[in-house]
């Protein structure tokens, strides 16, 4: 892992949330120039030439071993975060996974969504419109194909409220996370729809039935992003040696904390300790839209004893990542994606699937380590006192 001397944290008064990997001297020079620019340029009207940056410390943890079926091999995982205990904690999980023979990671489904909102003359017309959309999916698919060679309509779902018609389009988007791709396709489908049904009226390109960057049930049920599961059986000797606990203790805490505790809190389709920590750090390090950790962190931790060994899995139904698109051309992002093997010449979508599998591996490592720590009184706070920068 990288040394502390490489971490530079000097946020400006006004920031656009990007990273910078300059030396201390280069960073100071850049900040001085940027502050001069601030005197004559409002953030809201900044051009690319005056883009500001915010430095976030990053380390690579691991290596962690993945043993298929999506990804095979040992790799270091980049995590960008201000919560410095996350690095040694996730590193511990990576060590356990590697010693145990590696994580198996599988992707069950993938799609990106946008829901449009249309007003019909009355409820009867709204219901008929939704029925027609389902019957005319081939027509809609042809419209989508005109917008991008990578966009493909996979399915659609509808809801009617009064005379309001919510249509949730679900597309495959290749190696892109797909936010803009599905919006462009939805724009075109709306044009087609309103031409075909002139009695209907446009309300919004997004009706919140997508649903984008909000906690919900619909994403886990119908899908948004990549549905990823990472699992491993950990021999008892490694649970004891590296995690300083027992399989039974982790299983018991997972049930009482993640499942009962989250139910008491009113959690939505979620039972985990801190998926958001690893996802945010991974998203920032690889140039993703960080706000997607809202739906991304809705997932499940499952643990069970197998004799004295521990079965441990994380299920993340909504990992939203891409290896092309906005933010991916930044030098540090390119370096990290290259390190993870996600910039290779492969069929469209394969690199993004690989990145999603590695994201789930990072979550598995951090989730296991934290739960293990919380089975031991005082261990969590001791780790924060040791590693937090004060």
Protein backbone atom coordinates (compact mmCIF):
# COMPACT_ATOMS: atom_id res chain seq x y z
CA UNK A 1 0.00 0.00 0.00
CA UNK A 2 1.14 3.54 -0.69
CA UNK A 3 2.84 5.66 1.96
CA UNK A 4 1.21 8.50 3.84
CA UNK A 5 3.50 11.01 2.10
CA UNK A 6 1.49 10.56 -1.09
CA UNK A 7 -1.73 11.82 0.48
CA UNK A 8 -2.46 15.47 -0.14
CA UNK A 9 -5.63 16.98 1.23
CA UNK A 10 -6.04 20.68 0.52
CA UNK A 11 -9.66 21.43 -0.41
CA UNK A 12 -10.36 24.82 -1.93
CA UNK A 13 -13.11 27.21 -0.88
CA UNK A 14 -15.16 26.17 -3.93
CA UNK A 15 -14.65 22.75 -5.36
CA UNK A 16 -15.64 20.58 -8.25
CA UNK A 17 -15.32 17.02 -7.03
CA UNK A 18 -12.43 15.62 -9.03
CA UNK A 19 -9.12 14.22 -7.90
CA UNK A 20 -5.57 15.36 -8.46
CA UNK A 21 -2.40 13.28 -8.21
CA UNK A 22 0.24 16.02 -8.28
CA UNK A 23 3.21 16.35 -5.98
CA UNK A 24 2.98 18.79 -3.05
CA UNK A 25 4.80 21.51 -4.98
CA UNK A 26 2.68 21.04 -8.10
CA UNK A 27 -0.46 21.00 -6.01
CA UNK A 28 0.35 24.29 -4.26
CA UNK A 29 1.13 25.94 -7.61
CA UNK A 30 -2.10 24.70 -9.10
CA UNK A 31 -4.14 25.88 -6.11
CA UNK A 32 -2.65 29.37 -6.32
CA UNK A 33 -3.56 29.60 -9.98
CA UNK A 34 -7.05 28.30 -9.35
CA UNK A 35 -7.68 30.77 -6.55
CA UNK A 36 -6.69 33.61 -8.90
CA UNK A 37 -9.20 32.26 -11.40
CA UNK A 38 -11.89 32.28 -8.72
CA UNK A 39 -11.67 36.07 -8.48
CA UNK A 40 -12.94 36.46 -12.03
CA UNK A 41 -14.99 33.34 -12.62
CA UNK A 42 -18.06 32.07 -10.82
CA UNK A 43 -18.22 28.31 -10.27
CA UNK A 44 -21.56 28.11 -12.05
CA UNK A 45 -20.06 29.44 -15.28
CA UNK A 46 -16.64 27.81 -15.17
CA UNK A 47 -15.15 26.54 -18.38
CA UNK A 48 -12.94 23.49 -18.67
CA UNK A 49 -9.80 25.61 -18.58
CA UNK A 50 -10.62 26.84 -15.07
CA UNK A 51 -11.91 23.56 -13.62
CA UNK A 52 -11.04 23.20 -9.96
CA UNK A 53 -10.09 19.96 -8.26
CA UNK A 54 -10.51 18.45 -4.81
CA UNK A 55 -7.87 16.04 -3.62
CA UNK A 56 -9.03 12.83 -1.94
CA UNK A 57 -6.47 10.39 -0.51
CA UNK A 58 -6.29 7.05 -2.29
CA UNK A 59 -4.65 3.74 -1.50
CA UNK A 60 -4.69 0.36 -3.18
CA UNK A 61 -5.61 -2.56 -0.94
CA UNK A 62 -5.03 -6.25 -1.37
CA UNK A 63 -4.27 -8.06 -3.51
CA UNK A 64 -7.55 -9.92 -3.40
CA UNK A 65 -8.06 -13.15 -5.32
CA UNK A 66 -11.11 -13.64 -7.51
CA UNK A 67 -11.78 -17.17 -8.67
CA UNK A 68 -14.51 -16.68 -11.27
CA UNK A 69 -16.87 -16.99 -12.92
CA UNK A 70 -16.80 -13.31 -13.93
CA UNK A 71 -13.19 -12.47 -13.03
CA UNK A 72 -10.19 -14.65 -12.25
CA UNK A 73 -6.88 -13.46 -10.81
CA UNK A 74 -5.22 -11.47 -8.04
CA UNK A 75 -5.53 -7.69 -8.07
CA UNK A 76 -5.11 -4.60 -5.94
CA UNK A 77 -8.22 -2.49 -5.49
CA UNK A 78 -8.00 1.34 -5.46
CA UNK A 79 -10.08 3.10 -2.81
CA UNK A 80 -10.32 6.90 -2.48
CA UNK A 81 -11.63 8.04 0.89
CA UNK A 82 -11.14 10.35 3.84
CA UNK A 83 -11.98 7.46 6.19
CA UNK A 84 -8.47 6.07 6.50
CA UNK A 85 -9.36 2.98 8.59
CA UNK A 86 -11.21 1.70 5.53
CA UNK A 87 -7.91 0.79 3.86
CA UNK A 88 -6.47 -1.57 6.49
CA UNK A 89 -9.90 -2.99 7.21
CA UNK A 90 -10.64 -3.80 3.56
CA UNK A 91 -7.08 -5.05 3.17
CA UNK A 92 -7.71 -7.54 5.99
CA UNK A 93 -10.80 -8.82 4.20
CA UNK A 94 -8.81 -9.15 0.99
CA UNK A 95 -6.17 -11.19 2.78
CA UNK A 96 -8.79 -13.54 4.20
CA UNK A 97 -10.43 -13.99 0.80
CA UNK A 98 -7.10 -14.78 -0.84
CA UNK A 99 -6.07 -17.24 1.87
CA UNK A 100 -9.46 -18.95 1.54
CA UNK A 101 -8.94 -19.55 -2.18
CA UNK A 102 -10.60 -16.46 -3.60
CA UNK A 103 -14.01 -14.90 -4.06
CA UNK A 104 -16.55 -16.21 -6.50
CA UNK A 105 -18.42 -13.32 -8.11
CA UNK A 106 -21.40 -13.71 -10.41
CA UNK A 107 -23.56 -11.14 -12.21
CA UNK A 108 -27.22 -12.13 -12.33
CA UNK A 109 -28.61 -9.24 -14.38
CA UNK A 110 -27.73 -5.84 -15.85
CA UNK A 111 -29.72 -2.91 -17.21
CA UNK A 112 -29.97 0.87 -16.95
CA UNK A 113 -33.32 2.64 -16.64
CA UNK A 114 -35.14 5.86 -17.30
CA UNK A 115 -38.85 6.39 -16.60
CA UNK A 116 -40.76 8.99 -18.56
CA UNK A 117 -43.97 10.63 -17.43
CA UNK A 118 -46.86 11.29 -19.83
CA UNK A 119 -50.33 12.68 -19.21
CA UNK A 120 -53.28 11.01 -20.97
CA UNK A 121 -56.76 12.58 -21.32
CA UNK A 122 -58.15 10.26 -18.64
CA UNK A 123 -57.38 7.08 -16.71
CA UNK A 124 -58.85 4.84 -19.41
CA UNK A 125 -56.56 6.36 -22.02
CA UNK A 126 -53.57 6.07 -19.64
CA UNK A 127 -54.18 2.36 -19.12
CA UNK A 128 -54.59 1.86 -22.87
CA UNK A 129 -51.34 3.72 -23.56
CA UNK A 130 -49.42 1.53 -21.11
CA UNK A 131 -50.89 -1.61 -22.68
CA UNK A 132 -49.93 -0.36 -26.13
CA UNK A 133 -46.36 0.35 -25.05
CA UNK A 134 -45.92 -3.24 -23.93
CA UNK A 135 -47.36 -4.52 -27.20
CA UNK A 136 -45.23 -2.18 -29.30
CA UNK A 137 -41.85 -2.91 -27.75
CA UNK A 138 -40.41 -3.84 -31.14
CA UNK A 139 -41.29 -0.38 -32.45
CA UNK A 140 -39.69 1.23 -29.41
CA UNK A 141 -36.59 -0.96 -29.79
CA UNK A 142 -36.16 0.29 -33.34
CA UNK A 143 -36.31 3.88 -32.08
CA UNK A 144 -33.68 3.12 -29.44
CA UNK A 145 -31.31 1.62 -32.00
CA UNK A 146 -31.23 4.95 -33.82
CA UNK A 147 -29.76 6.71 -30.78
CA UNK A 148 -26.64 4.58 -30.13
CA UNK A 149 -25.01 1.44 -31.49
CA UNK A 150 -24.66 0.22 -27.89
CA UNK A 151 -28.18 0.98 -26.64
CA UNK A 152 -30.70 -1.87 -26.70
CA UNK A 153 -34.18 -1.93 -25.21
CA UNK A 154 -34.46 -4.95 -22.92
CA UNK A 155 -37.83 -4.41 -21.28
CA UNK A 156 -40.28 -1.84 -20.00
CA UNK A 157 -42.67 -1.56 -17.06
CA UNK A 158 -45.54 0.82 -16.47
CA UNK A 159 -47.59 2.31 -13.66
CA UNK A 160 -50.76 4.39 -13.88
CA UNK A 161 -51.88 7.00 -11.32
CA UNK A 162 -55.11 8.71 -12.36
CA UNK A 163 -54.43 9.92 -15.88
CA UNK A 164 -50.65 9.85 -15.37
CA UNK A 165 -48.66 7.19 -17.19
CA UNK A 166 -45.19 6.24 -15.89
CA UNK A 167 -43.14 4.20 -18.38
CA UNK A 168 -39.89 2.65 -17.13
CA UNK A 169 -37.56 1.87 -20.03
CA UNK A 170 -34.78 -0.65 -19.34
CA UNK A 171 -31.77 -0.76 -21.66
CA UNK A 172 -28.41 -2.43 -22.01
CA UNK A 173 -25.67 0.19 -22.46
CA UNK A 174 -22.42 -1.62 -23.27
CA UNK A 175 -19.42 -0.45 -21.22
CA UNK A 176 -21.06 2.83 -20.22
CA UNK A 177 -22.85 3.24 -16.92
CA UNK A 178 -25.59 4.50 -19.20
CA UNK A 179 -27.20 7.54 -17.57
CA UNK A 180 -26.93 9.73 -20.67
CA UNK A 181 -27.49 6.88 -23.10
CA UNK A 182 -30.85 5.93 -21.60
CA UNK A 183 -31.89 9.57 -21.33
CA UNK A 184 -31.11 10.16 -25.01
CA UNK A 185 -33.04 7.03 -25.93
CA UNK A 186 -35.95 8.04 -23.68
CA UNK A 187 -36.04 11.47 -25.33
CA UNK A 188 -36.36 9.86 -28.73
CA UNK A 189 -38.98 7.37 -27.55
CA UNK A 190 -41.00 10.23 -26.07
CA UNK A 191 -40.95 12.03 -29.41
CA UNK A 192 -42.19 8.88 -31.10
CA UNK A 193 -44.85 8.25 -28.44
CA UNK A 194 -46.29 11.77 -28.59
CA UNK A 195 -46.40 11.63 -32.37
CA UNK A 196 -48.20 8.28 -32.27
CA UNK A 197 -50.58 9.35 -29.48
CA UNK A 198 -51.24 13.08 -30.02
CA UNK A 199 -53.88 13.21 -27.28
CA UNK A 200 -51.15 12.60 -24.69
CA UNK A 201 -48.90 15.31 -23.31
CA UNK A 202 -45.29 15.44 -22.13
CA UNK A 203 -44.75 15.85 -18.38
CA UNK A 204 -41.11 14.88 -17.71
CA UNK A 205 -38.19 12.96 -19.13
CA UNK A 206 -37.86 11.42 -15.65
CA UNK A 207 -40.87 10.50 -13.54
CA UNK A 208 -38.88 9.08 -10.57
CA UNK A 209 -39.99 5.53 -11.34
CA UNK A 210 -36.45 4.91 -12.66
CA UNK A 211 -35.38 5.48 -9.88
CA UNK A 212 -32.12 7.41 -10.01
CA UNK A 213 -30.05 8.11 -6.88
CA UNK A 214 -32.87 7.55 -4.43
CA UNK A 215 -33.57 4.71 -2.00
CA UNK A 216 -36.43 2.61 -3.33
CA UNK A 217 -37.80 -0.90 -3.72
CA UNK A 218 -38.26 -0.80 -7.49
CA UNK A 219 -34.57 -0.95 -8.41
CA UNK A 220 -33.95 -4.15 -6.50
CA UNK A 221 -37.11 -5.76 -7.83
CA UNK A 222 -36.98 -4.75 -11.50
CA UNK A 223 -33.27 -4.01 -11.78
CA UNK A 224 -31.08 -0.95 -12.25
CA UNK A 225 -27.38 -1.37 -12.82
CA UNK A 226 -25.69 -4.72 -12.36
CA UNK A 227 -26.97 -7.33 -9.92
CA UNK A 228 -23.78 -8.77 -8.40
CA UNK A 229 -23.15 -11.46 -5.78
CA UNK A 230 -19.76 -12.15 -4.18
CA UNK A 231 -19.25 -15.16 -1.91
CA UNK A 232 -16.63 -17.29 -0.21
CA UNK A 233 -16.34 -20.10 2.33
CA UNK A 234 -13.70 -19.19 4.90
CA UNK A 235 -12.02 -22.01 6.84
CA UNK A 236 -12.25 -21.66 10.60
CA UNK A 237 -8.49 -21.29 11.00
CA UNK A 238 -8.49 -18.10 8.94
CA UNK A 239 -11.52 -16.70 10.77
CA UNK A 240 -9.62 -17.18 14.00
CA UNK A 241 -6.16 -16.10 12.80
CA UNK A 242 -7.02 -12.98 10.81
CA UNK A 243 -10.46 -11.92 12.04
CA UNK A 244 -9.94 -12.77 15.73
CA UNK A 245 -13.45 -14.18 16.06
CA UNK A 246 -15.59 -17.21 15.18
CA UNK A 247 -17.94 -18.05 12.35
CA UNK A 248 -20.81 -18.38 14.82
CA UNK A 249 -20.18 -14.90 16.23
CA UNK A 250 -20.23 -13.30 12.77
CA UNK A 251 -23.40 -15.15 11.78
CA UNK A 252 -25.13 -14.14 15.00
CA UNK A 253 -24.14 -10.48 14.70
CA UNK A 254 -25.12 -10.32 11.04
CA UNK A 255 -28.63 -11.51 11.90
CA UNK A 256 -29.11 -9.26 14.92
CA UNK A 257 -27.45 -6.15 13.49
CA UNK A 258 -27.95 -6.23 9.74
CA UNK A 259 -31.32 -7.92 9.52
CA UNK A 260 -33.17 -7.12 12.76
CA UNK A 261 -31.50 -3.76 13.31
CA UNK A 262 -32.13 -2.60 9.75
CA UNK A 263 -35.76 -3.71 10.00
CA UNK A 264 -36.18 -1.64 13.17
CA UNK A 265 -34.68 1.34 11.35
CA UNK A 266 -37.12 0.96 8.46
CA UNK A 267 -34.49 0.07 5.88
CA UNK A 268 -35.63 -0.50 2.29
CA UNK A 269 -34.44 -3.74 0.66
CA UNK A 270 -31.21 -3.51 2.61
CA UNK A 271 -29.42 -5.49 5.31
CA UNK A 272 -25.74 -4.62 5.54
CA UNK A 273 -23.23 -2.90 7.78
CA UNK A 274 -21.55 -0.40 5.46
CA UNK A 275 -21.68 -1.20 1.74
CA UNK A 276 -21.68 2.54 1.05
CA UNK A 277 -18.17 3.01 2.43
CA UNK A 278 -16.48 0.65 -0.02
CA UNK A 279 -18.69 1.58 -2.95
CA UNK A 280 -18.06 5.31 -2.57
CA UNK A 281 -14.30 4.81 -2.28
CA UNK A 282 -14.28 2.52 -5.31
CA UNK A 283 -16.56 4.78 -7.36
CA UNK A 284 -14.39 7.84 -6.70
CA UNK A 285 -11.20 5.95 -7.57
CA UNK A 286 -12.60 4.68 -10.87
CA UNK A 287 -14.42 7.77 -12.13
CA UNK A 288 -18.02 6.76 -11.42
CA UNK A 289 -21.04 8.91 -10.56
CA UNK A 290 -20.65 8.81 -6.79
CA UNK A 291 -24.30 9.64 -6.09
CA UNK A 292 -25.22 6.17 -7.33
CA UNK A 293 -24.06 4.73 -4.02
CA UNK A 294 -27.57 5.59 -2.79
CA UNK A 295 -29.17 2.71 -4.67
CA UNK A 296 -25.88 0.82 -4.82
CA UNK A 297 -25.65 0.49 -1.06
CA UNK A 298 -29.06 -1.18 -0.89
CA UNK A 299 -27.97 -4.79 -0.59
CA UNK A 300 -27.75 -7.83 1.61
CA UNK A 301 -25.12 -9.54 3.73
CA UNK A 302 -25.71 -13.25 4.23
CA UNK A 303 -23.63 -15.38 6.61
CA UNK A 304 -23.95 -19.02 7.67
CA UNK A 305 -21.85 -21.61 9.46
CA UNK A 306 -20.66 -24.69 7.62
CA UNK A 307 -19.36 -26.93 10.36
CA UNK A 308 -16.78 -24.56 11.91
CA UNK A 309 -16.24 -22.66 8.67
CA UNK A 310 -17.95 -19.45 7.58
CA UNK A 311 -19.99 -18.92 4.43
CA UNK A 312 -20.10 -15.17 3.73
CA UNK A 313 -21.72 -13.33 0.82
CA UNK A 314 -22.74 -9.85 -0.24
CA UNK A 315 -25.50 -9.23 -2.76
CA UNK A 316 -25.61 -5.86 -4.52
CA UNK A 317 -28.55 -5.55 -6.91
CA UNK A 318 -27.71 -2.03 -8.12
CA UNK A 319 -24.01 -1.54 -8.92
CA UNK A 320 -23.84 1.24 -11.52
CA UNK A 321 -20.41 1.48 -13.12
CA UNK A 322 -18.86 2.05 -16.52
CA UNK A 323 -15.41 2.01 -18.09
CA UNK A 324 -16.19 4.66 -20.73
CA UNK A 325 -17.92 8.01 -20.52
CA UNK A 326 -17.62 11.17 -18.47
CA UNK A 327 -14.76 11.17 -15.97
CA UNK A 328 -13.05 8.12 -17.41
CA UNK A 329 -10.41 10.13 -19.30
CA UNK A 330 -8.81 11.53 -16.13
CA UNK A 331 -5.24 10.23 -15.83
CA UNK A 332 -5.65 8.67 -12.38
CA UNK A 333 -8.90 6.98 -13.46
CA UNK A 334 -7.24 5.58 -16.57
CA UNK A 335 -4.39 4.27 -14.42
CA UNK A 336 -6.78 2.54 -12.02
CA UNK A 337 -8.95 1.06 -14.75
CA UNK A 338 -5.82 -0.21 -16.46
CA UNK A 339 -4.62 -1.73 -13.19
CA UNK A 340 -7.93 -3.56 -12.85
CA UNK A 341 -7.80 -4.88 -16.41
CA UNK A 342 -10.88 -2.93 -17.45
CA UNK A 343 -9.50 -1.19 -20.54
CA UNK A 344 -8.82 -4.26 -22.65
CA UNK A 345 -10.20 -4.83 -26.14
CA UNK A 346 -13.27 -6.92 -25.40
CA UNK A 347 -16.87 -7.17 -26.62
CA UNK A 348 -19.04 -4.26 -25.52
CA UNK A 349 -20.08 -4.57 -21.89
CA UNK A 350 -17.43 -7.04 -20.74
CA UNK A 351 -15.11 -4.44 -19.20
CA UNK A 352 -17.98 -2.87 -17.26
CA UNK A 353 -19.06 -6.29 -15.98
CA UNK A 354 -15.51 -6.91 -14.83
CA UNK A 355 -15.45 -3.58 -13.00
CA UNK A 356 -18.76 -4.36 -11.28
CA UNK A 357 -17.45 -7.73 -10.13
CA UNK A 358 -14.36 -6.08 -8.63
CA UNK A 359 -16.55 -3.47 -6.92
CA UNK A 360 -18.51 -6.27 -5.26
CA UNK A 361 -15.24 -7.89 -4.18
CA UNK A 362 -14.21 -4.65 -2.47
CA UNK A 363 -17.55 -4.51 -0.67
CA UNK A 364 -17.20 -8.16 0.45
CA UNK A 365 -13.76 -7.47 1.93
CA UNK A 366 -14.79 -4.39 3.86
CA UNK A 367 -18.09 -5.83 5.07
CA UNK A 368 -16.51 -8.99 6.46
CA UNK A 369 -13.76 -7.11 8.25
CA UNK A 370 -16.11 -4.62 9.93
CA UNK A 371 -18.54 -7.29 11.12
CA UNK A 372 -15.65 -9.29 12.54
CA UNK A 373 -14.35 -6.20 14.35
CA UNK A 374 -17.76 -5.51 15.86
CA UNK A 375 -17.91 -8.96 17.44
CA UNK A 376 -15.05 -7.82 19.69
CA UNK A 377 -15.73 -5.05 22.25
CA UNK A 378 -13.63 -1.93 21.65
CA UNK A 379 -11.96 -3.09 18.44
CA UNK A 380 -13.76 -0.65 16.13
CA UNK A 381 -12.86 2.44 18.14
CA UNK A 382 -9.28 1.26 18.63
CA UNK A 383 -8.89 1.00 14.87
CA UNK A 384 -10.25 4.51 14.32
CA UNK A 385 -7.98 5.98 16.98
CA UNK A 386 -5.01 4.29 15.34
CA UNK A 387 -5.73 5.15 11.72
CA UNK A 388 -7.80 8.32 11.59
CA UNK A 389 -5.95 11.50 10.70
CA UNK A 390 -6.51 14.12 13.35
